[in-house]
């Protein structure tokens, strides 16, 4: 996710209600619906219309909404023509030939 909205809600509302409010703000700000919401593992419960993902990196009462999009293949090669990457077990080397 490249762009997201961090939302804080410590109310006693259900997660579904919290996500609905946060998703409305996301739509207002970015003009499209979020597809995923990361929450603290203790907050996970089913929610309609959006994928809920647990993450220990998210603090309780916080929701991180955004759109998960798959990267296009060979993105690095399009950005850096002529660069070929070689992945070794402990490092990344670039051959600029």
PDB file of N, CA and C in Angstrom:
ATOM      1  N   UNK A   1       0.844  -1.161   0.000  1.00  0.00           N
ATOM      2  CA  UNK A   1       0.000   0.000   0.000  1.00  0.00           C
ATOM      3  C   UNK A   1       0.897   1.235   0.000  1.00  0.00           C
ATOM      4  N   UNK A   2       0.690   2.095  -0.976  1.00  0.00           N
ATOM      5  CA  UNK A   2       1.507   3.299  -1.085  1.00  0.00           C
ATOM      6  C   UNK A   2       0.862   4.493  -0.392  1.00  0.00           C
ATOM      7  N   UNK A   3      -0.448   4.504  -0.316  1.00  0.00           N
ATOM      8  CA  UNK A   3      -1.172   5.634   0.231  1.00  0.00           C
ATOM      9  C   UNK A   3      -2.238   5.106   1.171  1.00  0.00           C
ATOM     10  N   UNK A   4      -2.359   5.694   2.346  1.00  0.00           N
ATOM     11  CA  UNK A   4      -3.350   5.206   3.288  1.00  0.00           C
ATOM     12  C   UNK A   4      -3.850   6.300   4.205  1.00  0.00           C
ATOM     13  N   UNK A   5      -4.827   5.937   5.024  1.00  0.00           N
ATOM     14  CA  UNK A   5      -5.416   6.847   5.985  1.00  0.00           C
ATOM     15  C   UNK A   5      -5.346   6.189   7.350  1.00  0.00           C
ATOM     16  N   UNK A   6      -4.706   6.856   8.296  1.00  0.00           N
ATOM     17  CA  UNK A   6      -4.639   6.361   9.658  1.00  0.00           C
ATOM     18  C   UNK A   6      -5.778   7.001  10.438  1.00  0.00           C
ATOM     19  N   UNK A   7      -6.615   6.160  11.060  1.00  0.00           N
ATOM     20  CA  UNK A   7      -7.816   6.615  11.744  1.00  0.00           C
ATOM     21  C   UNK A   7      -7.765   6.159  13.189  1.00  0.00           C
ATOM     22  N   UNK A   8      -8.090   7.049  14.112  1.00  0.00           N
ATOM     23  CA  UNK A   8      -8.121   6.719  15.537  1.00  0.00           C
ATOM     24  C   UNK A   8      -9.559   6.780  16.028  1.00  0.00           C
ATOM     25  N   UNK A   9      -9.997   5.717  16.723  1.00  0.00           N
ATOM     26  CA  UNK A   9     -11.352   5.675  17.270  1.00  0.00           C
ATOM     27  C   UNK A   9     -11.334   4.788  18.509  1.00  0.00           C
ATOM     28  N   UNK A  10     -11.435   5.386  19.683  1.00  0.00           N
ATOM     29  CA  UNK A  10     -11.431   4.600  20.915  1.00  0.00           C
ATOM     30  C   UNK A  10     -12.829   4.466  21.515  1.00  0.00           C
ATOM     31  N   UNK A  11     -13.853   4.678  20.691  1.00  0.00           N
ATOM     32  CA  UNK A  11     -15.229   4.551  21.165  1.00  0.00           C
ATOM     33  C   UNK A  11     -15.570   3.083  21.405  1.00  0.00           C
ATOM     34  N   UNK A  12     -16.726   2.845  22.002  1.00  0.00           N
ATOM     35  CA  UNK A  12     -17.185   1.477  22.258  1.00  0.00           C
ATOM     36  C   UNK A  12     -17.933   0.888  21.065  1.00  0.00           C
ATOM     37  N   UNK A  13     -17.927   1.572  19.942  1.00  0.00           N
ATOM     38  CA  UNK A  13     -18.599   1.098  18.733  1.00  0.00           C
ATOM     39  C   UNK A  13     -17.968  -0.194  18.235  1.00  0.00           C
ATOM     40  N   UNK A  14     -18.702  -0.924  17.412  1.00  0.00           N
ATOM     41  CA  UNK A  14     -18.172  -2.151  16.804  1.00  0.00           C
ATOM     42  C   UNK A  14     -17.119  -1.784  15.770  1.00  0.00           C
ATOM     43  N   UNK A  15     -16.291  -2.751  15.432  1.00  0.00           N
ATOM     44  CA  UNK A  15     -15.266  -2.514  14.412  1.00  0.00           C
ATOM     45  C   UNK A  15     -15.930  -2.155  13.086  1.00  0.00           C
ATOM     46  N   UNK A  16     -17.062  -2.777  12.790  1.00  0.00           N
ATOM     47  CA  UNK A  16     -17.782  -2.496  11.553  1.00  0.00           C
ATOM     48  C   UNK A  16     -18.154  -1.006  11.470  1.00  0.00           C
ATOM     49  N   UNK A  17     -18.629  -0.457  12.569  1.00  0.00           N
ATOM     50  CA  UNK A  17     -19.007   0.955  12.616  1.00  0.00           C
ATOM     51  C   UNK A  17     -17.780   1.860  12.473  1.00  0.00           C
ATOM     52  N   UNK A  18     -16.697   1.500  13.136  1.00  0.00           N
ATOM     53  CA  UNK A  18     -15.459   2.289  13.055  1.00  0.00           C
ATOM     54  C   UNK A  18     -14.905   2.294  11.637  1.00  0.00           C
ATOM     55  N   UNK A  19     -14.906   1.124  11.020  1.00  0.00           N
ATOM     56  CA  UNK A  19     -14.388   1.013   9.653  1.00  0.00           C
ATOM     57  C   UNK A  19     -15.273   1.798   8.692  1.00  0.00           C
ATOM     58  N   UNK A  20     -16.582   1.755   8.893  1.00  0.00           N
ATOM     59  CA  UNK A  20     -17.496   2.499   8.021  1.00  0.00           C
ATOM     60  C   UNK A  20     -17.209   4.002   8.079  1.00  0.00           C
ATOM     61  N   UNK A  21     -16.998   4.539   9.271  1.00  0.00           N
ATOM     62  CA  UNK A  21     -16.682   5.964   9.418  1.00  0.00           C
ATOM     63  C   UNK A  21     -15.340   6.295   8.761  1.00  0.00           C
ATOM     64  N   UNK A  22     -14.348   5.456   9.004  1.00  0.00           N
ATOM     65  CA  UNK A  22     -13.020   5.688   8.429  1.00  0.00           C
ATOM     66  C   UNK A  22     -13.056   5.556   6.912  1.00  0.00           C
ATOM     67  N   UNK A  23     -13.806   4.582   6.398  1.00  0.00           N
ATOM     68  CA  UNK A  23     -13.901   4.379   4.944  1.00  0.00           C
ATOM     69  C   UNK A  23     -14.596   5.565   4.279  1.00  0.00           C
ATOM     70  N   UNK A  24     -15.610   6.146   4.963  1.00  0.00           N
ATOM     71  CA  UNK A  24     -16.286   7.326   4.413  1.00  0.00           C
ATOM     72  C   UNK A  24     -15.295   8.487   4.283  1.00  0.00           C
ATOM     73  N   UNK A  25     -14.453   8.666   5.271  1.00  0.00           N
ATOM     74  CA  UNK A  25     -13.438   9.728   5.214  1.00  0.00           C
ATOM     75  C   UNK A  25     -12.413   9.438   4.121  1.00  0.00           C
ATOM     76  N   UNK A  26     -12.028   8.158   3.979  1.00  0.00           N
ATOM     77  CA  UNK A  26     -11.091   7.773   2.932  1.00  0.00           C
ATOM     78  C   UNK A  26     -11.670   8.125   1.556  1.00  0.00           C
ATOM     79  N   UNK A  27     -12.950   7.760   1.332  1.00  0.00           N
ATOM     80  CA  UNK A  27     -13.612   8.067   0.060  1.00  0.00           C
ATOM     81  C   UNK A  27     -13.660   9.576  -0.188  1.00  0.00           C
ATOM     82  N   UNK A  28     -13.961  10.328   0.869  1.00  0.00           N
ATOM     83  CA  UNK A  28     -14.034  11.783   0.757  1.00  0.00           C
ATOM     84  C   UNK A  28     -12.675  12.376   0.372  1.00  0.00           C
ATOM     85  N   UNK A  29     -11.643  11.829   0.961  1.00  0.00           N
ATOM     86  CA  UNK A  29     -10.302  12.385   0.735  1.00  0.00           C
ATOM     87  C   UNK A  29      -9.655  11.917  -0.567  1.00  0.00           C
ATOM     88  N   UNK A  30      -9.814  10.620  -0.900  1.00  0.00           N
ATOM     89  CA  UNK A  30      -9.091  10.052  -2.042  1.00  0.00           C
ATOM     90  C   UNK A  30      -9.970   9.714  -3.246  1.00  0.00           C
ATOM     91  N   UNK A  31     -11.295   9.787  -3.091  1.00  0.00           N
ATOM     92  CA  UNK A  31     -12.187   9.566  -4.225  1.00  0.00           C
ATOM     93  C   UNK A  31     -12.394   8.127  -4.638  1.00  0.00           C
ATOM     94  N   UNK A  32     -12.001   7.179  -3.817  1.00  0.00           N
ATOM     95  CA  UNK A  32     -12.219   5.764  -4.106  1.00  0.00           C
ATOM     96  C   UNK A  32     -12.337   4.996  -2.792  1.00  0.00           C
ATOM     97  N   UNK A  33     -12.876   3.777  -2.889  1.00  0.00           N
ATOM     98  CA  UNK A  33     -13.073   2.962  -1.687  1.00  0.00           C
ATOM     99  C   UNK A  33     -11.792   2.258  -1.268  1.00  0.00           C
ATOM    100  N   UNK A  34     -11.533   2.177   0.037  1.00  0.00           N
ATOM    101  CA  UNK A  34     -10.402   1.373   0.495  1.00  0.00           C
ATOM    102  C   UNK A  34     -10.720  -0.113   0.321  1.00  0.00           C
ATOM    103  N   UNK A  35      -9.700  -0.922   0.139  1.00  0.00           N
ATOM    104  CA  UNK A  35      -9.907  -2.368  -0.026  1.00  0.00           C
ATOM    105  C   UNK A  35      -9.397  -3.164   1.160  1.00  0.00           C
ATOM    106  N   UNK A  36      -8.567  -2.534   2.001  1.00  0.00           N
ATOM    107  CA  UNK A  36      -7.981  -3.252   3.127  1.00  0.00           C
ATOM    108  C   UNK A  36      -7.889  -2.316   4.328  1.00  0.00           C
ATOM    109  N   UNK A  37      -8.015  -2.916   5.516  1.00  0.00           N
ATOM    110  CA  UNK A  37      -7.891  -2.170   6.757  1.00  0.00           C
ATOM    111  C   UNK A  37      -7.020  -2.976   7.710  1.00  0.00           C
ATOM    112  N   UNK A  38      -5.896  -2.402   8.117  1.00  0.00           N
ATOM    113  CA  UNK A  38      -5.004  -3.056   9.071  1.00  0.00           C
ATOM    114  C   UNK A  38      -5.378  -2.588  10.474  1.00  0.00           C
ATOM    115  N   UNK A  39      -5.497  -3.545  11.390  1.00  0.00           N
ATOM    116  CA  UNK A  39      -5.847  -3.254  12.780  1.00  0.00           C
ATOM    117  C   UNK A  39      -4.958  -4.062  13.710  1.00  0.00           C
ATOM    118  N   UNK A  40      -4.932  -3.675  14.977  1.00  0.00           N
ATOM    119  CA  UNK A  40      -4.212  -4.444  15.990  1.00  0.00           C
ATOM    120  C   UNK A  40      -4.866  -5.833  16.084  1.00  0.00           C
ATOM    121  N   UNK A  41      -4.096  -6.894  16.303  1.00  0.00           N
ATOM    122  CA  UNK A  41      -4.649  -8.255  16.334  1.00  0.00           C
ATOM    123  C   UNK A  41      -5.795  -8.448  17.336  1.00  0.00           C
ATOM    124  N   UNK A  42      -5.845  -7.674  18.404  1.00  0.00           N
ATOM    125  CA  UNK A  42      -6.928  -7.829  19.377  1.00  0.00           C
ATOM    126  C   UNK A  42      -8.243  -7.248  18.883  1.00  0.00           C
ATOM    127  N   UNK A  43      -8.225  -6.496  17.788  1.00  0.00           N
ATOM    128  CA  UNK A  43      -9.430  -5.845  17.281  1.00  0.00           C
ATOM    129  C   UNK A  43     -10.096  -6.591  16.133  1.00  0.00           C
ATOM    130  N   UNK A  44      -9.509  -7.675  15.663  1.00  0.00           N
ATOM    131  CA  UNK A  44      -9.996  -8.344  14.457  1.00  0.00           C
ATOM    132  C   UNK A  44     -11.380  -8.947  14.666  1.00  0.00           C
ATOM    133  N   UNK A  45     -12.271  -8.615  13.741  1.00  0.00           N
ATOM    134  CA  UNK A  45     -13.592  -9.233  13.646  1.00  0.00           C
ATOM    135  C   UNK A  45     -14.071  -9.039  12.210  1.00  0.00           C
ATOM    136  N   UNK A  46     -15.000  -9.864  11.742  1.00  0.00           N
ATOM    137  CA  UNK A  46     -15.452  -9.750  10.349  1.00  0.00           C
ATOM    138  C   UNK A  46     -16.142  -8.407  10.079  1.00  0.00           C
ATOM    139  N   UNK A  47     -15.856  -7.855   8.918  1.00  0.00           N
ATOM    140  CA  UNK A  47     -16.454  -6.601   8.476  1.00  0.00           C
ATOM    141  C   UNK A  47     -16.832  -6.771   7.014  1.00  0.00           C
ATOM    142  N   UNK A  48     -18.019  -6.288   6.649  1.00  0.00           N
ATOM    143  CA  UNK A  48     -18.483  -6.409   5.263  1.00  0.00           C
ATOM    144  C   UNK A  48     -17.744  -5.421   4.362  1.00  0.00           C
ATOM    145  N   UNK A  49     -17.503  -5.817   3.139  1.00  0.00           N
ATOM    146  CA  UNK A  49     -16.993  -4.955   2.063  1.00  0.00           C
ATOM    147  C   UNK A  49     -15.545  -4.497   2.171  1.00  0.00           C
ATOM    148  N   UNK A  50     -14.798  -4.969   3.152  1.00  0.00           N
ATOM    149  CA  UNK A  50     -13.392  -4.582   3.246  1.00  0.00           C
ATOM    150  C   UNK A  50     -12.613  -5.705   3.927  1.00  0.00           C
ATOM    151  N   UNK A  51     -11.417  -5.940   3.471  1.00  0.00           N
ATOM    152  CA  UNK A  51     -10.570  -6.993   4.038  1.00  0.00           C
ATOM    153  C   UNK A  51      -9.902  -6.459   5.304  1.00  0.00           C
ATOM    154  N   UNK A  52     -10.065  -7.171   6.417  1.00  0.00           N
ATOM    155  CA  UNK A  52      -9.448  -6.797   7.685  1.00  0.00           C
ATOM    156  C   UNK A  52      -8.196  -7.637   7.877  1.00  0.00           C
ATOM    157  N   UNK A  53      -7.072  -6.983   8.107  1.00  0.00           N
ATOM    158  CA  UNK A  53      -5.796  -7.674   8.298  1.00  0.00           C
ATOM    159  C   UNK A  53      -5.219  -7.306   9.664  1.00  0.00           C
ATOM    160  N   UNK A  54      -4.851  -8.310  10.460  1.00  0.00           N
ATOM    161  CA  UNK A  54      -4.211  -8.011  11.744  1.00  0.00           C
ATOM    162  C   UNK A  54      -2.744  -7.639  11.547  1.00  0.00           C
ATOM    163  N   UNK A  55      -2.286  -6.679  12.325  1.00  0.00           N
ATOM    164  CA  UNK A  55      -0.881  -6.295  12.277  1.00  0.00           C
ATOM    165  C   UNK A  55      -0.454  -5.816  13.665  1.00  0.00           C
ATOM    166  N   UNK A  56       0.567  -6.435  14.239  1.00  0.00           N
ATOM    167  CA  UNK A  56       1.046  -5.980  15.546  1.00  0.00           C
ATOM    168  C   UNK A  56       1.685  -4.589  15.483  1.00  0.00           C
ATOM    169  N   UNK A  57       1.945  -4.083  14.298  1.00  0.00           N
ATOM    170  CA  UNK A  57       2.528  -2.747  14.144  1.00  0.00           C
ATOM    171  C   UNK A  57       1.490  -1.635  14.317  1.00  0.00           C
ATOM    172  N   UNK A  58       0.217  -1.999  14.271  1.00  0.00           N
ATOM    173  CA  UNK A  58      -0.853  -1.011  14.434  1.00  0.00           C
ATOM    174  C   UNK A  58      -1.255  -0.977  15.902  1.00  0.00           C
ATOM    175  N   UNK A  59      -1.302   0.213  16.481  1.00  0.00           N
ATOM    176  CA  UNK A  59      -1.698   0.358  17.875  1.00  0.00           C
ATOM    177  C   UNK A  59      -3.196   0.103  18.035  1.00  0.00           C
ATOM    178  N   UNK A  60      -3.593  -0.303  19.239  1.00  0.00           N
ATOM    179  CA  UNK A  60      -5.022  -0.495  19.500  1.00  0.00           C
ATOM    180  C   UNK A  60      -5.770   0.811  19.250  1.00  0.00           C
ATOM    181  N   UNK A  61      -7.016   0.679  18.815  1.00  0.00           N
ATOM    182  CA  UNK A  61      -7.912   1.798  18.514  1.00  0.00           C
ATOM    183  C   UNK A  61      -7.514   2.559  17.255  1.00  0.00           C
ATOM    184  N   UNK A  62      -6.530   2.081  16.516  1.00  0.00           N
ATOM    185  CA  UNK A  62      -6.122   2.701  15.254  1.00  0.00           C
ATOM    186  C   UNK A  62      -6.508   1.789  14.096  1.00  0.00           C
ATOM    187  N   UNK A  63      -6.870   2.386  12.995  1.00  0.00           N
ATOM    188  CA  UNK A  63      -7.166   1.656  11.761  1.00  0.00           C
ATOM    189  C   UNK A  63      -6.345   2.297  10.654  1.00  0.00           C
ATOM    190  N   UNK A  64      -5.740   1.488   9.826  1.00  0.00           N
ATOM    191  CA  UNK A  64      -4.962   1.986   8.697  1.00  0.00           C
ATOM    192  C   UNK A  64      -5.618   1.465   7.435  1.00  0.00           C
ATOM    193  N   UNK A  65      -6.289   2.344   6.719  1.00  0.00           N
ATOM    194  CA  UNK A  65      -7.043   1.957   5.521  1.00  0.00           C
ATOM    195  C   UNK A  65      -6.308   2.361   4.262  1.00  0.00           C
ATOM    196  N   UNK A  66      -6.497   1.561   3.224  1.00  0.00           N
ATOM    197  CA  UNK A  66      -5.886   1.876   1.949  1.00  0.00           C
ATOM    198  C   UNK A  66      -6.315   0.890   0.879  1.00  0.00           C
ATOM    199  N   UNK A  67      -5.610   0.913  -0.212  1.00  0.00           N
ATOM    200  CA  UNK A  67      -5.887   0.014  -1.328  1.00  0.00           C
ATOM    201  C   UNK A  67      -4.652  -0.833  -1.582  1.00  0.00           C
ATOM    202  N   UNK A  68      -4.835  -2.135  -1.533  1.00  0.00           N
ATOM    203  CA  UNK A  68      -3.742  -3.051  -1.879  1.00  0.00           C
ATOM    204  C   UNK A  68      -3.789  -3.269  -3.386  1.00  0.00           C
ATOM    205  N   UNK A  69      -2.727  -2.901  -4.034  1.00  0.00           N
ATOM    206  CA  UNK A  69      -2.637  -3.081  -5.477  1.00  0.00           C
ATOM    207  C   UNK A  69      -1.391  -3.866  -5.794  1.00  0.00           C
ATOM    208  N   UNK A  70      -1.522  -4.782  -6.700  1.00  0.00           N
ATOM    209  CA  UNK A  70      -0.375  -5.601  -7.083  1.00  0.00           C
ATOM    210  C   UNK A  70       0.563  -4.787  -7.957  1.00  0.00           C
ATOM    211  N   UNK A  71       1.850  -4.913  -7.681  1.00  0.00           N
ATOM    212  CA  UNK A  71       2.858  -4.200  -8.460  1.00  0.00           C
ATOM    213  C   UNK A  71       2.959  -4.794  -9.852  1.00  0.00           C
ATOM    214  N   UNK A  72       3.205  -3.950 -10.802  1.00  0.00           N
ATOM    215  CA  UNK A  72       3.392  -4.410 -12.173  1.00  0.00           C
ATOM    216  C   UNK A  72       4.707  -5.170 -12.268  1.00  0.00           C
ATOM    217  N   UNK A  73       4.755  -6.238 -13.064  1.00  0.00           N
ATOM    218  CA  UNK A  73       6.007  -6.984 -13.197  1.00  0.00           C
ATOM    219  C   UNK A  73       7.093  -6.119 -13.829  1.00  0.00           C
ATOM    220  N   UNK A  74       8.327  -6.364 -13.394  1.00  0.00           N
ATOM    221  CA  UNK A  74       9.495  -5.668 -13.927  1.00  0.00           C
ATOM    222  C   UNK A  74       9.447  -4.153 -13.733  1.00  0.00           C
ATOM    223  N   UNK A  75       8.832  -3.702 -12.649  1.00  0.00           N
ATOM    224  CA  UNK A  75       8.739  -2.271 -12.371  1.00  0.00           C
ATOM    225  C   UNK A  75      10.120  -1.651 -12.258  1.00  0.00           C
ATOM    226  N   UNK A  76      11.060  -2.346 -11.578  1.00  0.00           N
ATOM    227  CA  UNK A  76      12.401  -1.802 -11.408  1.00  0.00           C
ATOM    228  C   UNK A  76      13.115  -1.638 -12.741  1.00  0.00           C
ATOM    229  N   UNK A  77      12.921  -2.565 -13.642  1.00  0.00           N
ATOM    230  CA  UNK A  77      13.610  -2.477 -14.933  1.00  0.00           C
ATOM    231  C   UNK A  77      13.056  -1.325 -15.761  1.00  0.00           C
ATOM    232  N   UNK A  78      11.753  -1.030 -15.633  1.00  0.00           N
ATOM    233  CA  UNK A  78      11.190   0.098 -16.362  1.00  0.00           C
ATOM    234  C   UNK A  78      11.721   1.411 -15.800  1.00  0.00           C
ATOM    235  N   UNK A  79      11.942   1.468 -14.484  1.00  0.00           N
ATOM    236  CA  UNK A  79      12.435   2.684 -13.856  1.00  0.00           C
ATOM    237  C   UNK A  79      13.910   2.925 -14.151  1.00  0.00           C
ATOM    238  N   UNK A  80      14.664   1.848 -14.276  1.00  0.00           N
ATOM    239  CA  UNK A  80      16.095   1.932 -14.498  1.00  0.00           C
ATOM    240  C   UNK A  80      16.486   1.072 -15.698  1.00  0.00           C
ATOM    241  N   UNK A  81      16.289   1.584 -16.920  1.00  0.00           N
ATOM    242  CA  UNK A  81      16.593   0.786 -18.113  1.00  0.00           C
ATOM    243  C   UNK A  81      18.040   0.324 -18.110  1.00  0.00           C
ATOM    244  N   UNK A  82      18.250  -0.907 -18.473  1.00  0.00           N
ATOM    245  CA  UNK A  82      19.582  -1.462 -18.562  1.00  0.00           C
ATOM    246  C   UNK A  82      20.102  -2.044 -17.265  1.00  0.00           C
ATOM    247  N   UNK A  83      19.389  -1.841 -16.174  1.00  0.00           N
ATOM    248  CA  UNK A  83      19.837  -2.381 -14.881  1.00  0.00           C
ATOM    249  C   UNK A  83      19.257  -3.770 -14.691  1.00  0.00           C
ATOM    250  N   UNK A  84      20.105  -4.710 -14.367  1.00  0.00           N
ATOM    251  CA  UNK A  84      19.670  -6.072 -14.074  1.00  0.00           C
ATOM    252  C   UNK A  84      20.052  -6.388 -12.637  1.00  0.00           C
ATOM    253  N   UNK A  85      19.113  -6.870 -11.853  1.00  0.00           N
ATOM    254  CA  UNK A  85      19.380  -7.151 -10.439  1.00  0.00           C
ATOM    255  C   UNK A  85      19.752  -8.611 -10.258  1.00  0.00           C
ATOM    256  N   UNK A  86      20.750  -8.859  -9.434  1.00  0.00           N
ATOM    257  CA  UNK A  86      21.141 -10.204  -9.057  1.00  0.00           C
ATOM    258  C   UNK A  86      20.963 -10.319  -7.548  1.00  0.00           C
ATOM    259  N   UNK A  87      20.120 -11.247  -7.097  1.00  0.00           N
ATOM    260  CA  UNK A  87      19.869 -11.394  -5.670  1.00  0.00           C
ATOM    261  C   UNK A  87      20.737 -12.513  -5.121  1.00  0.00           C
ATOM    262  N   UNK A  88      21.545 -12.182  -4.140  1.00  0.00           N
ATOM    263  CA  UNK A  88      22.380 -13.148  -3.449  1.00  0.00           C
ATOM    264  C   UNK A  88      21.796 -13.374  -2.064  1.00  0.00           C
ATOM    265  N   UNK A  89      22.159 -14.459  -1.371  1.00  0.00           N
ATOM    266  CA  UNK A  89      21.552 -14.745  -0.078  1.00  0.00           C
ATOM    267  C   UNK A  89      21.643 -13.622   0.947  1.00  0.00           C
ATOM    268  N   UNK A  90      22.699 -12.818   0.933  1.00  0.00           N
ATOM    269  CA  UNK A  90      22.849 -11.804   1.968  1.00  0.00           C
ATOM    270  C   UNK A  90      22.888 -10.375   1.441  1.00  0.00           C
ATOM    271  N   UNK A  91      22.834 -10.182   0.119  1.00  0.00           N
ATOM    272  CA  UNK A  91      22.919  -8.833  -0.397  1.00  0.00           C
ATOM    273  C   UNK A  91      22.260  -8.729  -1.760  1.00  0.00           C
ATOM    274  N   UNK A  92      22.048  -7.504  -2.202  1.00  0.00           N
ATOM    275  CA  UNK A  92      21.487  -7.223  -3.507  1.00  0.00           C
ATOM    276  C   UNK A  92      22.543  -6.480  -4.310  1.00  0.00           C
ATOM    277  N   UNK A  93      22.871  -7.000  -5.486  1.00  0.00           N
ATOM    278  CA  UNK A  93      23.868  -6.350  -6.324  1.00  0.00           C
ATOM    279  C   UNK A  93      23.223  -5.971  -7.652  1.00  0.00           C
ATOM    280  N   UNK A  94      23.632  -4.824  -8.202  1.00  0.00           N
ATOM    281  CA  UNK A  94      23.122  -4.387  -9.473  1.00  0.00           C
ATOM    282  C   UNK A  94      24.245  -4.406 -10.507  1.00  0.00           C
ATOM    283  N   UNK A  95      23.941  -4.970 -11.663  1.00  0.00           N
ATOM    284  CA  UNK A  95      24.877  -5.000 -12.771  1.00  0.00           C
ATOM    285  C   UNK A  95      24.402  -3.934 -13.766  1.00  0.00           C
ATOM    286  N   UNK A  96      25.141  -2.856 -13.922  1.00  0.00           N
ATOM    287  CA  UNK A  96      24.727  -1.735 -14.769  1.00  0.00           C
ATOM    288  C   UNK A  96      25.281  -1.826 -16.185  1.00  0.00           C
ATOM    289  N   UNK A  97      25.600  -3.026 -16.635  1.00  0.00           N
ATOM    290  CA  UNK A  97      26.158  -3.203 -17.988  1.00  0.00           C
ATOM    291  C   UNK A  97      25.067  -3.113 -19.029  1.00  0.00           C
TER     292      UNK A  97
END
